[in-house]
Protein backbone atom coordinates (compact mmCIF):
# COMPACT_ATOMS: atom_id res chain seq x y z
CA MET A 1 170.05 226.20 139.77
CA ASP A 2 171.23 223.74 137.15
CA LYS A 3 168.71 221.89 135.10
CA LYS A 4 168.26 218.26 136.28
CA LYS A 5 170.01 215.73 134.12
CA ILE A 6 168.88 212.17 133.37
CA LEU A 7 171.34 209.57 132.05
CA THR A 8 169.85 206.60 130.23
CA MET A 9 172.13 203.65 129.71
CA GLN A 10 170.96 201.04 127.19
CA ASP A 11 171.42 199.94 123.58
CA LEU A 12 170.82 202.05 120.50
CA SER A 13 168.93 200.39 117.66
CA CYS A 14 169.23 202.49 114.51
CA VAL A 15 165.89 201.22 113.30
CA GLY A 16 163.20 200.06 115.64
CA GLN A 17 161.39 201.98 118.39
CA CYS A 18 162.99 200.77 121.59
CA SER A 19 165.67 201.54 124.15
CA ILE A 20 167.43 204.87 123.64
CA THR A 21 165.36 205.74 120.61
CA VAL A 22 162.22 205.94 122.75
CA ALA A 23 163.79 207.01 126.06
CA LEU A 24 165.55 210.05 124.59
CA PRO A 25 162.56 211.67 122.78
CA ILE A 26 160.07 210.82 125.53
CA LEU A 27 162.13 212.21 128.41
CA SER A 28 163.21 215.25 126.36
CA ALA A 29 159.59 216.03 125.47
CA TYR A 30 158.75 216.13 129.16
CA GLY A 31 161.43 218.84 129.51
CA TYR A 32 164.29 216.86 131.06
CA GLU A 33 167.87 217.14 129.76
CA THR A 34 168.48 213.56 128.75
CA CYS A 35 172.00 212.23 128.23
CA VAL A 36 172.78 208.78 126.84
CA LEU A 37 175.29 206.04 127.42
CA PRO A 38 174.84 203.57 124.55
CA THR A 39 176.03 200.06 125.37
CA ALA A 40 175.88 198.81 121.75
CA ILE A 41 174.76 200.03 118.34
CA LEU A 42 172.48 197.72 116.39
CA SER A 43 171.49 198.25 112.78
CA ASN A 44 167.94 197.40 113.88
CA HIS A 45 166.47 195.55 116.86
CA THR A 46 166.44 191.74 116.97
CA MET A 47 162.85 191.21 116.05
CA PHE A 48 163.93 191.56 112.43
CA ASP A 49 165.46 188.59 110.57
CA THR A 50 169.00 189.96 110.54
CA TRP A 51 170.93 192.69 112.32
CA SER A 52 174.43 193.97 112.98
CA TYR A 53 175.83 194.58 116.50
CA LEU A 54 178.63 196.88 117.51
CA ASP A 55 179.66 196.32 121.16
CA LEU A 56 180.63 199.59 122.80
CA THR A 57 181.89 198.20 126.08
CA ASN A 58 185.52 199.13 125.33
CA GLU A 59 184.56 202.71 124.64
CA ILE A 60 182.98 203.29 127.99
CA ASP A 61 186.22 203.86 129.89
CA ASP A 62 187.12 206.72 127.50
CA ILE A 63 183.64 208.18 127.93
CA PHE A 64 183.94 208.02 131.69
CA ALA A 65 187.41 209.67 131.58
CA ASN A 66 186.01 212.63 129.61
CA TRP A 67 182.97 212.91 131.81
CA HIS A 68 185.32 213.04 134.80
CA ASP A 69 187.43 215.78 133.14
CA ASN A 70 184.28 217.77 132.38
CA LYS A 71 182.92 217.24 135.93
CA PHE A 72 179.61 215.82 134.70
CA LYS A 73 177.14 214.58 137.28
CA PHE A 74 173.63 213.12 136.82
CA ASP A 75 170.54 213.47 138.98
CA TYR A 76 168.63 210.40 137.67
CA PHE A 77 169.68 207.16 135.96
CA LEU A 78 167.46 205.04 133.75
CA LEU A 79 168.80 201.61 132.86
CA GLY A 80 167.34 199.27 130.26
CA TYR A 81 168.87 196.60 128.06
CA LEU A 82 172.50 196.12 128.87
CA GLY A 83 173.16 192.62 127.47
CA LYS A 84 176.48 191.70 129.08
CA LYS A 85 177.43 191.18 132.67
CA GLU A 86 180.51 193.34 132.12
CA LEU A 87 178.20 196.26 131.37
CA ILE A 88 176.54 195.75 134.76
CA ASP A 89 179.90 196.47 136.31
CA LYS A 90 180.19 199.60 134.19
CA ALA A 91 176.74 200.69 135.27
CA ILE A 92 177.70 200.35 138.94
CA GLU A 93 180.92 202.21 138.27
CA CYS A 94 178.86 204.98 136.59
CA PHE A 95 176.66 205.30 139.67
CA ASP A 96 179.73 205.57 141.87
CA LYS A 97 181.51 208.20 139.75
CA PHE A 98 178.73 210.36 138.33
CA SER A 99 175.88 210.55 140.89
CA ASN A 100 174.88 213.79 142.48
CA LYS A 101 174.23 213.74 146.21
CA ASP A 102 170.53 212.87 145.90
CA SER A 103 170.62 210.89 142.63
CA LYS A 104 167.95 208.26 142.02
CA ILE A 105 168.40 205.06 140.06
CA PHE A 106 165.56 203.50 137.94
CA ILE A 107 166.29 200.05 136.57
CA ASP A 108 164.27 197.98 134.09
CA PRO A 109 166.32 194.69 134.04
CA VAL A 110 165.54 193.75 130.47
CA PHE A 111 166.39 190.12 129.77
CA ALA A 112 163.17 188.04 129.46
CA ASP A 113 159.47 188.03 128.67
CA ASP A 114 156.53 185.66 128.06
CA GLY A 115 158.10 183.02 130.32
CA LYS A 116 161.41 182.91 128.27
CA ILE A 117 164.84 184.41 128.62
CA TYR A 118 166.06 186.39 125.62
CA PRO A 119 168.79 184.95 123.44
CA GLY A 120 172.28 185.70 124.63
CA PHE A 121 171.48 185.79 128.32
CA ASN A 122 172.37 183.12 130.89
CA LYS A 123 172.39 182.32 134.62
CA GLU A 124 175.59 184.37 135.23
CA TYR A 125 173.87 187.49 133.81
CA ILE A 126 170.82 186.97 136.03
CA GLU A 127 173.05 186.52 139.10
CA LYS A 128 174.89 189.76 138.20
CA THR A 129 171.52 191.53 137.74
CA ARG A 130 170.69 190.72 141.38
CA GLU A 131 173.81 192.63 142.35
CA LEU A 132 172.77 195.55 140.17
CA LEU A 133 169.36 195.76 141.84
CA LYS A 134 171.00 196.53 145.20
CA HIS A 135 171.83 199.97 143.85
CA ALA A 136 168.37 200.82 142.64
CA ASN A 137 165.74 203.12 144.06
CA PHE A 138 163.05 201.85 141.67
CA ILE A 139 162.93 198.65 139.64
CA LEU A 140 160.48 197.83 136.89
CA PRO A 141 160.83 194.15 135.92
CA ASN A 142 158.13 192.25 134.13
CA VAL A 143 156.68 189.02 135.65
CA THR A 144 159.08 186.76 133.68
CA GLU A 145 162.14 188.67 134.82
CA VAL A 146 161.05 188.42 138.46
CA CYS A 147 160.55 184.68 138.11
CA TYR A 148 164.10 184.25 136.80
CA LEU A 149 165.54 186.52 139.48
CA THR A 150 163.78 184.66 142.24
CA ASN A 151 163.89 181.10 140.85
CA ILE A 152 160.14 180.82 140.95
CA GLU A 153 158.43 178.90 138.11
CA TYR A 154 156.63 181.12 135.64
CA GLN A 155 152.81 181.09 135.34
CA PRO A 156 150.93 182.63 132.40
CA ILE A 157 148.08 183.82 134.62
CA HIS A 158 149.23 185.92 137.61
CA SER A 159 147.13 185.64 140.72
CA GLN A 160 147.52 188.21 143.48
CA GLU A 161 149.05 185.52 145.72
CA PHE A 162 151.58 184.57 142.98
CA VAL A 163 152.70 188.15 142.33
CA ARG A 164 152.85 188.89 146.02
CA LYS A 165 155.19 185.93 146.45
CA LEU A 166 157.35 187.18 143.60
CA ALA A 167 157.64 190.64 145.16
CA SER A 168 158.42 189.23 148.56
CA GLU A 169 161.26 187.06 147.18
CA LEU A 170 162.57 189.86 145.03
CA LYS A 171 162.69 192.16 148.12
CA LYS A 172 165.55 189.93 149.46
CA TYR A 173 167.79 191.42 146.73
CA THR A 174 166.85 195.08 146.88
CA ASP A 175 165.42 197.87 149.06
CA ALA A 176 164.03 199.57 145.99
CA THR A 177 160.39 200.30 145.26
CA ILE A 178 159.32 197.31 143.22
CA ILE A 179 157.01 197.74 140.23
CA ILE A 180 156.21 194.43 138.60
CA THR A 181 154.80 195.10 135.09
CA GLY A 182 152.72 192.95 132.76
CA VAL A 183 150.62 191.33 135.50
CA ILE A 184 147.84 189.50 133.69
CA ASN A 185 144.70 188.38 135.50
CA ASP A 186 140.87 188.65 135.11
CA ASN A 187 141.16 189.94 131.48
CA SER A 188 143.31 192.82 132.67
CA ILE A 189 146.92 193.76 132.59
CA GLY A 190 148.56 195.89 135.23
CA GLU A 191 151.24 196.50 137.83
CA TYR A 192 151.92 195.18 141.24
CA ILE A 193 153.75 197.82 143.41
CA LEU A 194 155.59 197.16 146.62
CA LYS A 195 156.75 200.40 148.21
CA GLY A 196 158.21 199.60 151.59
CA LYS A 197 155.33 197.69 153.17
CA GLU A 198 152.66 199.34 151.08
CA GLU A 199 151.05 197.24 148.39
CA ILE A 200 149.40 198.80 145.37
CA ILE A 201 147.59 196.84 142.63
CA LEU A 202 146.74 198.55 139.36
CA LYS A 203 144.67 197.04 136.51
CA HIS A 204 144.13 198.30 133.00
CA GLU A 205 142.48 197.20 129.74
CA LEU A 206 144.14 194.10 128.26
CA LEU A 207 144.41 194.55 124.52
CA PRO A 208 144.87 191.60 122.10
CA ILE A 209 148.01 193.29 120.73
CA LYS A 210 151.74 192.89 121.49
CA ARG A 211 154.51 195.06 120.09
CA HIS A 212 158.20 195.44 120.59
CA GLY A 213 159.49 198.31 122.82
CA THR A 214 156.39 198.92 124.99
CA GLY A 215 158.31 198.09 128.16
CA ASP A 216 160.92 200.73 127.27
CA ILE A 217 158.22 203.25 126.64
CA PHE A 218 156.52 202.40 129.91
CA SER A 219 159.73 202.93 131.90
CA SER A 220 160.46 206.26 130.19
CA VAL A 221 156.93 207.65 130.69
CA PHE A 222 156.90 206.38 134.24
CA LEU A 223 160.17 208.13 135.13
CA ALA A 224 159.03 211.39 133.47
CA ASN A 225 155.74 211.41 135.41
CA TYR A 226 157.25 210.28 138.70
CA LEU A 227 159.61 213.25 138.58
CA LEU A 228 156.57 215.48 137.95
CA THR A 229 154.31 214.05 140.69
CA ASN A 230 156.47 212.08 143.12
CA ASP A 231 153.62 209.64 143.08
CA VAL A 232 154.30 206.00 142.00
CA LYS A 233 150.62 205.13 141.43
CA LYS A 234 149.97 208.24 139.30
CA ALA A 235 153.13 207.67 137.27
CA CYS A 236 152.24 204.00 136.60
CA ASN A 237 148.73 204.86 135.53
CA LYS A 238 150.04 207.57 133.17
CA ALA A 239 152.60 205.18 131.68
CA ALA A 240 150.04 202.43 131.22
CA LEU A 241 147.58 204.80 129.52
CA PHE A 242 150.35 206.05 127.21
CA VAL A 243 151.29 202.55 126.15
CA ARG A 244 147.64 201.64 125.63
CA LYS A 245 147.15 204.71 123.40
CA CYS A 246 150.26 203.71 121.44
CA LEU A 247 148.97 200.19 120.86
CA LYS A 248 145.56 201.42 119.75
CA THR A 249 147.04 204.09 117.49
CA THR A 250 149.65 201.96 115.74
CA ASP A 251 148.88 200.68 112.22
CA THR A 252 148.61 196.92 112.07
CA LYS A 253 151.21 196.90 109.29
CA HIS A 254 153.69 198.49 111.69
CA PHE A 255 154.84 195.18 113.16
CA TYR A 256 158.17 196.04 114.75
CA GLY A 257 157.12 198.58 117.39
CA VAL A 258 154.52 201.20 118.19
CA GLU A 259 154.04 204.61 116.68
CA PHE A 260 154.59 206.46 119.91
CA GLU A 261 155.41 209.78 118.30
CA LYS A 262 151.88 210.70 117.53
CA VAL A 263 150.78 209.86 121.06
CA LEU A 264 153.65 211.82 122.55
CA THR A 265 152.61 214.87 120.54
CA ASP A 266 149.04 214.50 121.72
CA ASP A 267 150.05 213.86 125.34
CA LYS A 268 152.17 216.98 125.50
């Protein structure tokens, strides 16, 4: 039997621990053959003062043509930062052309956080993201992203009633299992999961630390552990613990991400 293949589609920051540069090593360390479809190459991620950006949208058709010629298929897809609505169309095309019979699609619709949309995104992108979510089996948006997707006003403290409303509204756009991340309440941070009609609420230690790339790490560790256990709750708990260890381990001078490599070595 062929080894299962994961394709992750997101940007590549040459410096900065996020997107492909965390997804590839994490998923590979768990033993999965991990293939990549970079949407852009950045000199470094955008938390730094300056950066360069090479858009790879025009290269994707040639990549697809060669994948078709080589008869490549993928068992799982992990999507993160895409950045352009045209790339959402390419992602959907990728699902159509390169999925195996029982392929599963995991989407983290990266475009906002802390109540604000990231620079470069707009209403058209958000509308297109709703179309993308129709294709997903699992989605992992944070609270801010769900607010934008559902047109519900953001709140900094997330009561159970508020998050339940978010999930209910988001369900109108997708049949996927919904995992809302970054739910903050009662001095905790956690996930709200809606799997069919089943509701799962997870809470973890809230640390007074924020770092770039932790959402990408969470998604990668979640996917790896879900494939191991077929259990959403266990996979979420494992991903949250991993991120928490990263935050605690990272030197305070390391401002632009988390030092996940040491935790990954320990975890494996």
